[in-house]
Each structure stands twice: as structure tokens, then as C-alpha cells.
Amino acid sequence: MTRSEDEQAHDADAGGSRGLRRAVRMALAVLAWSLLGAMPAAAAPPPLVETGAAVTGASSLAGGLAAEQHISTAQAALDLQTQSSAGNIAGELQSALGTGYAGLWFDPVTGRFHIDIAPSTNRAAAEAVARGAGVLAESTFDPVSSTWAQVQAAAKQAERQLAPLELAQQASVITDPRENRPIVELSSDVGQMQSDNANRVARSASVPASVVEVAPRELQIRPAACSFPYCDAPLRGGVRINSSEDPNKGFSQCTAGAMATESRGYQYILTAGHCLQGSRYWNAPYAWGSANSRGQGCAFGVPAAAEVSSRMDAAAIGAPGPCGSIRGIIVEWGIFEAYAVHGVVTAYPGLYECHQGASGGNQCGTVEAANVSTTITYESGPIAVEHTDRVCATSRAGDSGGPWQYGNLEWTYLTAIHIAAGSSSCSHGQVSIGFEMEYAERFLGVSVTRSF
């Protein structure tokens, strides 16, 4: 039976309790070992705890990852447990290694992190980060030629030279830690002269890039700015938000990404910047069961900041008193749980994460590329947006603004704001684009509200 919205709010209030944390940890451990067919010999029988929702959610994620990567459900469950244990390992490696950071990726087939070690990388510091995250035994340290800064500089060099093709969505340059070099994705319908030029640019980059031919549709990315989910108070990420009617564009419908505050204590809802173009007042309808009837909802005000440019596609909408105190939670559509937000982390290739959208619900997939530039065709024309993640997952119109996250009831981390989608040859048939949450915080001058 579907749980009531009041139960969801109750779960949010209890999300930080130690009892729930212990229950989720036990649920993940029981799931992983039961899928392998046996408990470890030294383990005592687990206590009887009420963990049905956690097991259901973890099982669903493991099944999705297994289907996408063509691995066993047991391996997928261990992958998710390893990634959850690692926390913000990408961000911690970047902080610890500085300019010596050379890249990170996760292989779901083997269940191992791969930490790239360039000549200038402090391997001992990298090992210390992996040890502190509890994944040293699941980490491989790969020798590579270039630091990540060198790979990114080469990618920027190629982007500048291929800018006309990128704006026409006939080429895209990504950075790949698995190959320790840039990759130029080139549309198969370009002419011979353009192809020759792209290959020449790739070869001459400061870190030589490879050129991969792709179908034209794989580079055609558009924003996904349609009615599906509602929640009672408190307001949370993942629910549908509506704009007032614009005389030219009509209504806009998008998804709330995350709750946020700034240094003076003002509260905001983060979403995609393109959602707010031409729309002034916004509201979030409540589901039945709260003080306001469905449809009245929370009229939370006007955009405080919104930008669609090469720098970002993100916005902050003011959340005044009528909305009540905002909470650091997001809804998880499908099992109808309120997930407590633990923090913001950096995504990496191989991370399996999920998007909560107001039209597509809960959609999950593997990160294909992180912190890259993606050319998106907006109503005003194509823009190459920096700091984007590409995920092999489906999304629908109306999902823009929703949060990308990974984890479970205990460890839910936000990685990005969903902004666009396009065709792709990945296993789910589509690539979804997120603008990295840490840059949304930095550029908008806010901090995502945590539940801890």
C-alpha cells in the first residue's frame, strides 16, 4: 500500500536518528551478503529491525545498476555499498592532492576505485584519503602521464579550436580519467574537411586527444522544462513547482532541486536557471493531508538569482514565511521516502546515482563524464555550459531543476541540478545532464541545507 504523505513527513523528522542509521547500515549489509548467497561465518544473526523501506530501495538500485552494467545483482549491491562508504572521495582527493590530482573513476564490473597517479602526485596522500574513506582495499592506483589540470587544459584548448562545431552540436570535448586524456566526440555527419580538422586539433592538443565518431542525435541536448508529484509540508527537493502565467510563455513547470540558505539566514529553493526565464512567481502545490488543500500550496515567491550562460544553468527562488521552515530533505519517488541530505559531493565516472524529477520520478544511471562542458540548445540558441555531469539515465520534460543524488536514507549526497537531456547510445537510451551542485552553491552564494 502506498504510504501517506504524513508518513513521509514523519520519516523526514526522524531522518537523523541513530536508530534509523543503524537500521539502514544493517539493511545494506544484509542485502549485500544475502545476494551473495551467504553471511560471513563470524557474523551473528542480525537483530530484528524494521528496515523494509531501506531494503526495498537498496534492492531496486542494485537491480537497476545490474541491468545497466550487465553485472550480477550481488556485485551491484557491493558496488553501491562501496560507493556509499567512500562518501565525497573525489572532493577529498582533489583537496589533498592539489595540482597533483590526476583523476578518479569507479569500475562497476570489478567494484574497484581507480585513482590515477601522475609523476607529480603524492601517492601516500592519495592512499591516506582512500584509507580514511574505508576503501583502500577496494582501490587501485594507476600510473598515468598527466595531471587532471593538464588534461582539462588540453580539453579547453581543443574546445576553443572546435567552438563552431560545438555550438552546432556536431562535436563535444570531454575529459576521461579512464584514458587520462580528452576525448573529442564528433558527429558522423560532418564533412571530410571538418573531420580532418577535428583530428588535427586532437593530435596537437597539449595532451593528445582521441576522436570518437558518434551518431548526430547523441550530441543534440535540450533542456527539459510538465504533472506528477506533490508532497505535504515541509517543502523538499524533487517536488513539482509551478510558475505564475507569463503573457507570452504561459505556465512553466519544473522540479525543486534542493533547499538552501545564505549567510544572513534567508531561505531559497534551488532549481534550473532556464526554468525561470519569463516566469516571476512560483509555488509548490501540496498534496492532500496538510494545512493547505491540494492546489493552494506554498506560494514561495520570486527568483532571487537566475542565470543561463556558459558559467551555469541554475537559479535560487526566495522561500518566505508562508512556506514555513525549509528542510534538508528530498523525496525518493517510487518508495515514497523522505531522504535526509547529508551534503554535496563531487561526481566521478562510474558513480551510480539517481535523479528525482516531477515528471519522470526516480531515474537512475551511471555517470559517464563529470565536470565537462556540454552544448545545450536553449530557446535563445546553443550555449556550452561548464561544470556539467553526463549520466546514462532517462528524464522527461518537467524534470529540470530536480536533484541528482546517491546514497540511501542515511547517506544521501547531492551532486547536481538536472538541466537537460538528449539521445544517446548508452544502455538506457538517453543521456541526462546535470549542473554540478557545488558550483551552484558557489556561484549563487548559498549553501544547500543539510539535515545533520
Protein backbone atom coordinates (compact mmCIF):
# COMPACT_ATOMS: atom_id res chain seq x y z
CA MET A 1 0.00 0.00 0.00
CA THR A 2 1.33 3.47 -0.86
CA ARG A 3 2.40 5.37 2.22
CA SER A 4 0.64 8.62 3.14
CA GLU A 5 2.35 11.98 2.76
CA ASP A 6 2.05 12.46 6.54
CA GLU A 7 4.18 9.36 6.99
CA GLN A 8 6.75 10.85 4.64
CA ALA A 9 6.93 14.00 6.76
CA HIS A 10 7.27 11.87 9.88
CA ASP A 11 10.18 9.99 8.29
CA ALA A 12 11.85 13.31 7.49
CA ASP A 13 11.57 14.40 11.12
CA ALA A 14 13.18 11.15 12.23
CA GLY A 15 15.76 11.04 9.42
CA GLY A 16 18.71 11.92 11.62
CA SER A 17 18.08 9.45 14.43
CA ARG A 18 20.80 7.00 15.36
CA GLY A 19 18.33 4.12 15.33
CA LEU A 20 17.48 4.73 11.67
CA ARG A 21 21.18 4.92 10.77
CA ARG A 22 21.84 1.57 12.41
CA ALA A 23 18.82 0.07 10.63
CA VAL A 24 19.95 1.26 7.21
CA ARG A 25 23.52 0.06 7.76
CA MET A 26 22.20 -3.37 8.72
CA ALA A 27 19.81 -3.39 5.76
CA LEU A 28 22.61 -2.72 3.27
CA ALA A 29 24.86 -5.32 4.85
CA VAL A 30 22.11 -7.96 4.91
CA LEU A 31 21.20 -7.16 1.29
CA ALA A 32 24.77 -7.46 0.02
CA TRP A 33 25.51 -10.73 1.79
CA SER A 34 22.14 -12.30 1.08
CA LEU A 35 22.61 -11.62 -2.62
CA LEU A 36 25.98 -13.32 -2.46
CA GLY A 37 24.24 -16.36 -1.00
CA ALA A 38 25.80 -16.44 2.49
CA MET A 39 26.53 -14.41 5.58
CA PRO A 40 30.15 -14.26 6.79
CA ALA A 41 30.92 -17.12 9.16
CA ALA A 42 31.77 -14.91 12.12
CA ALA A 43 28.66 -12.74 11.86
CA ALA A 44 25.93 -13.10 14.46
CA PRO A 45 22.31 -13.22 13.28
CA PRO A 46 21.12 -9.66 12.66
CA PRO A 47 18.65 -8.19 15.14
CA LEU A 48 15.04 -7.87 14.09
CA VAL A 49 14.70 -4.30 12.91
CA GLU A 50 12.10 -2.58 10.78
CA THR A 51 14.04 -1.91 7.60
CA GLY A 52 11.58 -2.77 4.84
CA ALA A 53 11.80 0.56 3.05
CA ALA A 54 15.60 0.61 3.14
CA VAL A 55 15.90 -2.93 1.79
CA THR A 56 13.37 -2.20 -0.95
CA GLY A 57 15.21 0.92 -2.02
CA ALA A 58 18.62 -0.74 -1.98
CA SER A 59 17.33 -3.77 -3.89
CA SER A 60 15.78 -1.53 -6.52
CA LEU A 61 19.02 0.40 -7.01
CA ALA A 62 21.06 -2.80 -7.23
CA GLY A 63 18.69 -4.21 -9.81
CA GLY A 64 18.91 -1.07 -11.93
CA LEU A 65 22.70 -0.96 -11.79
CA ALA A 66 22.95 -4.68 -12.58
CA ALA A 67 20.74 -4.30 -15.65
CA GLU A 68 22.62 -1.24 -16.91
CA GLN A 69 26.12 -2.67 -16.48
CA HIS A 70 25.30 -6.32 -17.23
CA ILE A 71 26.63 -7.49 -13.88
CA SER A 72 25.14 -9.67 -11.15
CA THR A 73 22.78 -8.15 -8.61
CA ALA A 74 25.19 -9.26 -5.89
CA GLN A 75 28.05 -7.33 -7.49
CA ALA A 76 25.79 -4.30 -7.96
CA ALA A 77 24.84 -4.36 -4.27
CA LEU A 78 28.50 -4.42 -3.26
CA ASP A 79 29.23 -1.58 -5.72
CA LEU A 80 26.59 0.60 -4.09
CA GLN A 81 27.87 -0.22 -0.62
CA THR A 82 31.45 0.66 -1.65
CA GLN A 83 30.40 3.97 -3.23
CA SER A 84 28.30 4.86 -0.18
CA SER A 85 31.23 4.12 2.16
CA ALA A 86 33.55 6.32 0.06
CA GLY A 87 31.49 9.47 0.63
CA ASN A 88 32.95 12.52 -1.10
CA ILE A 89 36.14 10.73 -2.15
CA ALA A 90 36.53 12.76 -5.34
CA GLY A 91 36.40 16.07 -3.50
CA GLU A 92 38.69 14.82 -0.74
CA LEU A 93 41.28 13.62 -3.25
CA GLN A 94 41.20 16.96 -5.04
CA SER A 95 41.73 18.81 -1.74
CA ALA A 96 44.51 16.51 -0.53
CA LEU A 97 46.44 16.28 -3.80
CA GLY A 98 46.01 19.81 -5.14
CA THR A 99 47.67 20.26 -8.51
CA GLY A 100 48.87 16.65 -8.32
CA TYR A 101 45.33 15.28 -8.60
CA ALA A 102 45.14 13.17 -11.76
CA GLY A 103 41.64 11.70 -11.80
CA LEU A 104 39.29 9.12 -10.28
CA TRP A 105 36.84 6.59 -11.66
CA PHE A 106 34.93 3.52 -10.49
CA ASP A 107 34.64 0.21 -12.33
CA PRO A 108 31.27 -1.44 -11.55
CA VAL A 109 32.39 -4.76 -13.05
CA THR A 110 35.22 -5.22 -10.55
CA GLY A 111 33.82 -3.00 -7.79
CA ARG A 112 37.06 -1.01 -7.53
CA PHE A 113 38.00 2.65 -7.47
CA HIS A 114 40.82 3.66 -9.82
CA ILE A 115 42.90 6.58 -8.53
CA ASP A 116 45.22 7.98 -11.19
CA ILE A 117 48.80 8.72 -10.10
CA ALA A 118 50.80 11.17 -12.25
CA PRO A 119 54.55 11.79 -11.74
CA SER A 120 53.76 14.81 -9.52
CA THR A 121 51.03 13.05 -7.50
CA ASN A 122 51.66 12.35 -3.82
CA ARG A 123 50.70 8.68 -3.74
CA ALA A 124 50.96 8.45 0.04
CA ALA A 125 48.41 11.27 0.36
CA ALA A 126 46.11 9.52 -2.12
CA GLU A 127 46.37 6.29 -0.15
CA ALA A 128 45.60 8.19 3.05
CA VAL A 129 42.37 9.54 1.55
CA ALA A 130 41.31 6.07 0.39
CA ARG A 131 42.18 4.65 3.80
CA GLY A 132 40.21 7.38 5.58
CA ALA A 133 37.21 6.67 3.35
CA GLY A 134 37.42 2.99 4.19
CA VAL A 135 38.03 1.89 0.59
CA LEU A 136 41.81 1.39 0.43
CA ALA A 137 41.32 -2.35 -0.14
CA GLU A 138 38.93 -1.56 -2.99
CA SER A 139 41.25 0.96 -4.69
CA THR A 140 43.77 0.55 -7.50
CA PHE A 141 46.42 3.23 -8.06
CA ASP A 142 47.05 3.59 -11.79
CA PRO A 143 50.20 5.30 -13.12
CA VAL A 144 49.34 7.95 -15.73
CA SER A 145 51.26 10.62 -17.63
CA SER A 146 49.24 13.77 -16.95
CA THR A 147 47.60 15.51 -14.01
CA TRP A 148 43.89 16.30 -14.21
CA ALA A 149 44.67 20.00 -14.61
CA GLN A 150 46.81 19.19 -17.65
CA VAL A 151 44.03 17.04 -19.15
CA GLN A 152 41.46 19.80 -18.55
CA ALA A 153 43.75 22.46 -20.06
CA ALA A 154 44.16 20.33 -23.18
CA ALA A 155 40.38 19.89 -23.37
CA LYS A 156 39.86 23.67 -23.14
CA GLN A 157 42.41 24.17 -25.90
CA ALA A 158 40.51 21.75 -28.14
CA GLU A 159 37.17 23.33 -27.25
CA ARG A 160 38.35 26.77 -28.32
CA GLN A 161 39.52 25.45 -31.68
CA LEU A 162 36.35 23.41 -32.23
CA ALA A 163 33.92 26.05 -30.93
CA PRO A 164 31.93 26.39 -34.20
CA LEU A 165 31.34 22.63 -34.31
CA GLU A 166 30.43 22.53 -30.60
CA LEU A 167 27.88 25.34 -30.93
CA ALA A 168 26.35 23.49 -33.89
CA GLN A 169 26.20 20.39 -31.65
CA GLN A 170 28.40 18.47 -34.06
CA ALA A 171 31.27 17.98 -31.62
CA SER A 172 31.84 17.74 -27.90
CA VAL A 173 35.03 17.56 -25.87
CA ILE A 174 35.02 15.60 -22.61
CA THR A 175 37.76 14.62 -20.16
CA ASP A 176 38.08 10.94 -19.33
CA PRO A 177 40.08 9.73 -16.29
CA ARG A 178 39.89 6.19 -17.65
CA GLU A 179 42.11 7.23 -20.57
CA ASN A 180 43.84 10.19 -18.90
CA ARG A 181 43.20 12.43 -21.89
CA PRO A 182 40.46 14.45 -23.61
CA ILE A 183 38.05 12.76 -25.99
CA VAL A 184 36.52 14.58 -28.96
CA GLU A 185 33.07 13.20 -29.75
CA LEU A 186 32.48 14.00 -33.44
CA SER A 187 29.16 13.74 -35.22
CA SER A 188 29.22 11.17 -38.02
CA ASP A 189 27.52 13.61 -40.43
CA VAL A 190 30.30 16.23 -40.54
CA GLY A 191 32.18 16.75 -43.80
CA GLN A 192 35.63 15.40 -44.53
CA MET A 193 37.27 18.80 -44.10
CA GLN A 194 35.70 19.25 -40.64
CA SER A 195 36.66 15.71 -39.68
CA ASP A 196 40.26 16.24 -40.75
CA ASN A 197 40.39 19.48 -38.78
CA ALA A 198 38.98 17.82 -35.63
CA ASN A 199 41.60 15.08 -35.84
CA ARG A 200 44.33 17.67 -36.36
CA VAL A 201 43.14 19.63 -33.31
CA ALA A 202 43.04 16.43 -31.23
CA ARG A 203 46.58 15.41 -32.18
CA SER A 204 48.02 18.86 -31.50
CA ALA A 205 46.48 19.31 -28.03
CA SER A 206 48.92 19.66 -25.14
CA VAL A 207 47.66 16.25 -24.01
CA PRO A 208 46.78 14.49 -27.29
CA ALA A 209 43.07 13.66 -27.50
CA SER A 210 41.31 10.78 -29.15
CA VAL A 211 38.45 11.28 -31.65
CA VAL A 212 35.33 9.12 -31.40
CA GLU A 213 32.61 9.21 -34.06
CA VAL A 214 29.07 9.26 -32.66
CA ALA A 215 25.56 9.42 -34.10
CA PRO A 216 24.32 13.02 -34.60
CA ARG A 217 21.45 12.55 -32.13
CA GLU A 218 23.91 11.85 -29.30
CA LEU A 219 25.07 15.48 -29.36
CA GLN A 220 21.61 17.06 -29.55
CA ILE A 221 20.95 18.14 -25.95
CA ARG A 222 17.92 20.21 -24.94
CA PRO A 223 16.59 21.49 -21.60
CA ALA A 224 13.73 19.53 -20.03
CA ALA A 225 11.40 22.23 -18.80
CA CYS A 226 5.28 19.12 -17.09
CA SER A 227 2.48 16.89 -13.59
CA PHE A 228 3.35 14.22 -11.36
CA PRO A 229 4.50 14.54 -7.78
CA TYR A 230 3.27 16.55 -4.84
CA CYS A 231 4.30 16.49 -1.18
CA ASP A 232 2.91 17.94 2.01
CA ALA A 233 4.94 20.40 4.03
CA PRO A 234 7.79 20.74 4.66
CA LEU A 235 8.90 21.78 1.20
CA ARG A 236 11.58 19.43 -0.18
CA GLY A 237 13.66 18.70 -3.26
CA GLY A 238 12.19 16.58 -6.04
CA VAL A 239 8.63 18.00 -5.98
CA ARG A 240 6.86 19.83 -8.76
CA ILE A 241 6.97 23.62 -8.78
CA ASN A 242 4.80 25.91 -10.93
CA SER A 243 5.24 29.46 -12.12
CA SER A 244 2.66 32.17 -12.48
CA GLU A 245 1.35 32.63 -16.00
CA ASP A 246 3.60 34.58 -18.33
CA PRO A 247 1.70 36.55 -21.03
CA ASN A 248 3.93 35.11 -23.76
CA LYS A 249 5.05 31.70 -22.49
CA GLY A 250 2.17 30.62 -20.24
CA PHE A 251 2.95 28.44 -17.21
CA SER A 252 6.31 26.87 -16.51
CA GLN A 253 6.55 23.59 -14.61
CA CYS A 254 9.84 22.30 -13.24
CA THR A 255 11.25 20.48 -10.21
CA ALA A 256 12.64 21.79 -6.92
CA GLY A 257 16.29 20.78 -6.63
CA ALA A 258 17.38 21.48 -3.08
CA MET A 259 16.66 23.76 -0.17
CA ALA A 260 19.38 26.32 0.57
CA THR A 261 20.28 29.23 2.83
CA GLU A 262 22.72 32.11 2.64
CA SER A 263 24.84 33.81 5.26
CA ARG A 264 22.06 36.09 6.55
CA GLY A 265 19.70 33.17 7.04
CA TYR A 266 17.44 33.77 4.04
CA GLN A 267 15.96 30.61 2.57
CA TYR A 268 15.84 29.56 -1.08
CA ILE A 269 14.82 26.75 -3.39
CA LEU A 270 17.43 25.85 -6.00
CA THR A 271 16.36 24.82 -9.50
CA ALA A 272 17.48 25.15 -13.13
CA GLY A 273 18.09 28.68 -14.37
CA HIS A 274 16.24 28.18 -17.66
CA CYS A 275 13.05 27.32 -15.74
CA LEU A 276 12.80 30.93 -14.59
CA GLN A 277 13.09 32.65 -17.96
CA GLY A 278 9.95 34.77 -18.33
CA SER A 279 8.31 33.46 -15.14
CA ARG A 280 8.08 35.55 -11.99
CA TYR A 281 6.06 33.99 -9.13
CA TRP A 282 6.43 30.35 -8.15
CA ASN A 283 4.54 27.91 -5.97
CA ALA A 284 4.59 24.25 -4.95
CA PRO A 285 1.17 22.57 -4.67
CA TYR A 286 0.70 20.50 -1.53
CA ALA A 287 -0.70 17.01 -1.55
CA TRP A 288 -3.82 16.38 0.49
CA GLY A 289 -3.32 15.98 4.21
CA SER A 290 -1.60 19.24 5.10
CA ALA A 291 -2.98 22.57 6.32
CA ASN A 292 -3.49 23.82 2.79
CA SER A 293 -5.59 21.90 0.30
CA ARG A 294 -4.01 20.50 -2.83
CA GLY A 295 -3.59 23.23 -5.41
CA GLN A 296 -3.18 26.05 -2.91
CA GLY A 297 0.25 25.01 -1.76
CA CYS A 298 3.21 27.12 -0.87
CA ALA A 299 3.50 30.41 -2.78
CA PHE A 300 7.17 30.91 -2.16
CA GLY A 301 7.95 34.00 -4.15
CA VAL A 302 10.21 35.36 -6.82
CA PRO A 303 13.62 34.46 -8.25
CA ALA A 304 16.46 35.94 -6.22
CA ALA A 305 19.05 34.94 -8.80
CA ALA A 306 18.90 33.06 -12.09
CA GLU A 307 21.43 32.59 -14.85
CA VAL A 308 21.68 30.63 -18.09
CA SER A 309 25.15 31.09 -19.53
CA SER A 310 28.38 29.27 -20.17
CA ARG A 311 29.05 29.65 -16.44
CA MET A 312 25.91 27.93 -15.14
CA ASP A 313 22.26 26.96 -15.56
CA ALA A 314 20.95 27.45 -12.04
CA ALA A 315 18.62 29.64 -10.00
CA ALA A 316 17.57 30.43 -6.45
CA ILE A 317 13.93 31.26 -5.67
CA GLY A 318 13.13 33.07 -2.42
CA ALA A 319 11.23 31.00 0.16
CA PRO A 320 9.47 33.44 2.51
CA GLY A 321 7.44 32.74 5.66
CA PRO A 322 4.30 31.17 4.14
CA CYS A 323 6.34 28.09 3.26
CA GLY A 324 7.42 27.52 6.83
CA SER A 325 10.89 26.37 7.74
CA ILE A 326 12.54 24.55 4.86
CA ARG A 327 14.23 21.23 5.49
CA GLY A 328 17.29 19.46 4.13
CA ILE A 329 15.34 16.58 2.61
CA ILE A 330 14.39 15.27 -0.82
CA VAL A 331 11.63 12.89 -1.81
CA GLU A 332 12.53 9.50 -3.32
CA TRP A 333 9.78 8.69 -5.80
CA GLY A 334 8.94 5.04 -6.06
CA ILE A 335 9.31 4.07 -2.41
CA PHE A 336 7.97 7.44 -1.17
CA GLU A 337 10.61 8.13 1.43
CA ALA A 338 11.98 11.43 2.68
CA TYR A 339 15.75 11.23 2.23
CA ALA A 340 17.85 13.33 4.59
CA VAL A 341 20.51 15.38 2.77
CA HIS A 342 23.94 14.73 4.26
CA GLY A 343 25.92 17.03 1.98
CA VAL A 344 27.11 17.97 -1.51
CA VAL A 345 29.75 15.82 -3.20
CA THR A 346 31.69 15.69 -6.45
CA ALA A 347 30.59 13.11 -9.05
CA TYR A 348 33.04 10.86 -10.89
CA PRO A 349 32.78 8.46 -13.85
CA GLY A 350 31.31 5.16 -12.70
CA LEU A 351 29.24 6.64 -9.84
CA TYR A 352 25.71 5.20 -9.86
CA GLU A 353 23.23 7.90 -8.89
CA CYS A 354 19.55 8.84 -9.20
CA HIS A 355 17.50 11.85 -10.26
CA GLN A 356 14.21 12.86 -8.66
CA GLY A 357 12.01 14.60 -11.22
CA ALA A 358 8.48 15.99 -11.27
CA SER A 359 7.63 14.07 -14.46
CA GLY A 360 9.97 11.10 -14.70
CA GLY A 361 10.04 10.26 -10.99
CA ASN A 362 13.06 8.29 -9.78
CA GLN A 363 15.51 7.63 -12.64
CA CYS A 364 18.96 6.15 -12.05
CA GLY A 365 22.11 5.62 -14.09
CA THR A 366 25.89 5.70 -14.19
CA VAL A 367 27.96 8.89 -14.56
CA GLU A 368 29.66 8.82 -17.96
CA ALA A 369 31.60 12.10 -17.64
CA ALA A 370 31.98 14.63 -14.82
CA ASN A 371 32.69 18.39 -14.74
CA VAL A 372 32.73 18.79 -18.52
CA SER A 373 31.34 21.38 -20.92
CA THR A 374 28.07 20.44 -22.67
CA THR A 375 26.45 22.39 -25.51
CA ILE A 376 22.70 22.67 -24.90
CA THR A 377 20.15 24.11 -27.34
CA TYR A 378 18.02 26.62 -25.41
CA GLU A 379 15.20 28.75 -26.83
CA SER A 380 17.72 31.57 -27.23
CA GLY A 381 20.20 29.31 -29.03
CA PRO A 382 23.03 26.90 -28.18
CA ILE A 383 25.20 27.53 -25.12
CA ALA A 384 28.22 25.50 -23.99
CA VAL A 385 27.57 25.15 -20.24
CA GLU A 386 30.56 24.42 -18.00
CA HIS A 387 30.65 22.16 -14.92
CA THR A 388 28.15 19.59 -16.15
CA ASP A 389 27.84 15.86 -15.46
CA ARG A 390 26.55 13.38 -18.06
CA VAL A 391 24.56 10.43 -16.73
CA CYS A 392 23.23 7.42 -18.61
CA ALA A 393 19.64 7.82 -17.41
CA THR A 394 16.20 8.81 -18.71
CA SER A 395 14.48 12.11 -17.96
CA ARG A 396 11.32 13.88 -19.13
CA ALA A 397 10.01 17.37 -19.73
CA GLY A 398 9.33 18.92 -16.33
CA ASP A 399 12.29 17.23 -14.61
CA SER A 400 14.56 20.27 -14.98
CA GLY A 401 15.79 21.58 -11.66
CA GLY A 402 15.48 18.30 -9.79
CA PRO A 403 18.31 16.90 -7.66
CA TRP A 404 20.85 14.27 -8.69
CA GLN A 405 21.81 12.22 -5.63
CA TYR A 406 23.26 8.97 -4.46
CA GLY A 407 23.06 7.09 -1.20
CA ASN A 408 20.12 5.96 0.92
CA LEU A 409 18.09 7.08 3.92
CA GLU A 410 21.24 7.54 5.98
CA TRP A 411 23.78 8.75 3.41
CA THR A 412 22.14 10.92 0.77
CA TYR A 413 24.51 13.22 -1.09
CA LEU A 414 23.56 15.73 -3.78
CA THR A 415 25.75 16.02 -6.88
CA ALA A 416 23.92 18.18 -9.44
CA ILE A 417 20.82 20.05 -10.63
CA HIS A 418 19.18 18.40 -13.63
CA ILE A 419 19.12 20.74 -16.63
CA ALA A 420 18.80 18.83 -19.92
CA ALA A 421 18.66 15.54 -21.80
CA GLY A 422 19.35 14.14 -25.25
CA SER A 423 19.53 10.96 -27.25
CA SER A 424 22.40 8.60 -26.62
CA SER A 425 23.60 5.11 -27.34
CA CYS A 426 24.00 4.29 -23.64
CA SER A 427 22.10 1.34 -22.21
CA HIS A 428 19.14 3.42 -21.02
CA GLY A 429 18.77 5.06 -24.42
CA GLN A 430 19.33 8.63 -23.21
CA VAL A 431 21.93 10.88 -21.64
CA SER A 432 20.86 13.30 -18.90
CA ILE A 433 22.78 16.44 -17.97
CA GLY A 434 23.25 17.91 -14.50
CA PHE A 435 24.88 21.17 -13.45
CA GLU A 436 27.19 20.40 -10.54
CA MET A 437 25.67 21.39 -7.19
CA GLU A 438 28.94 22.61 -5.68
CA TYR A 439 29.20 25.25 -8.43
CA ALA A 440 25.56 26.23 -7.97
CA GLU A 441 26.35 26.86 -4.29
CA ARG A 442 29.48 28.82 -5.15
CA PHE A 443 28.03 31.00 -7.92
CA LEU A 444 24.67 31.68 -6.21
CA GLY A 445 26.27 32.38 -2.83
CA VAL A 446 24.20 29.84 -0.89
CA SER A 447 24.69 26.57 0.99
CA VAL A 448 22.48 23.52 0.48
CA THR A 449 20.53 22.84 3.67
CA ARG A 450 21.71 19.71 5.44
CA SER A 451 19.71 17.52 7.79
CA PHE A 452 22.72 16.98 10.06
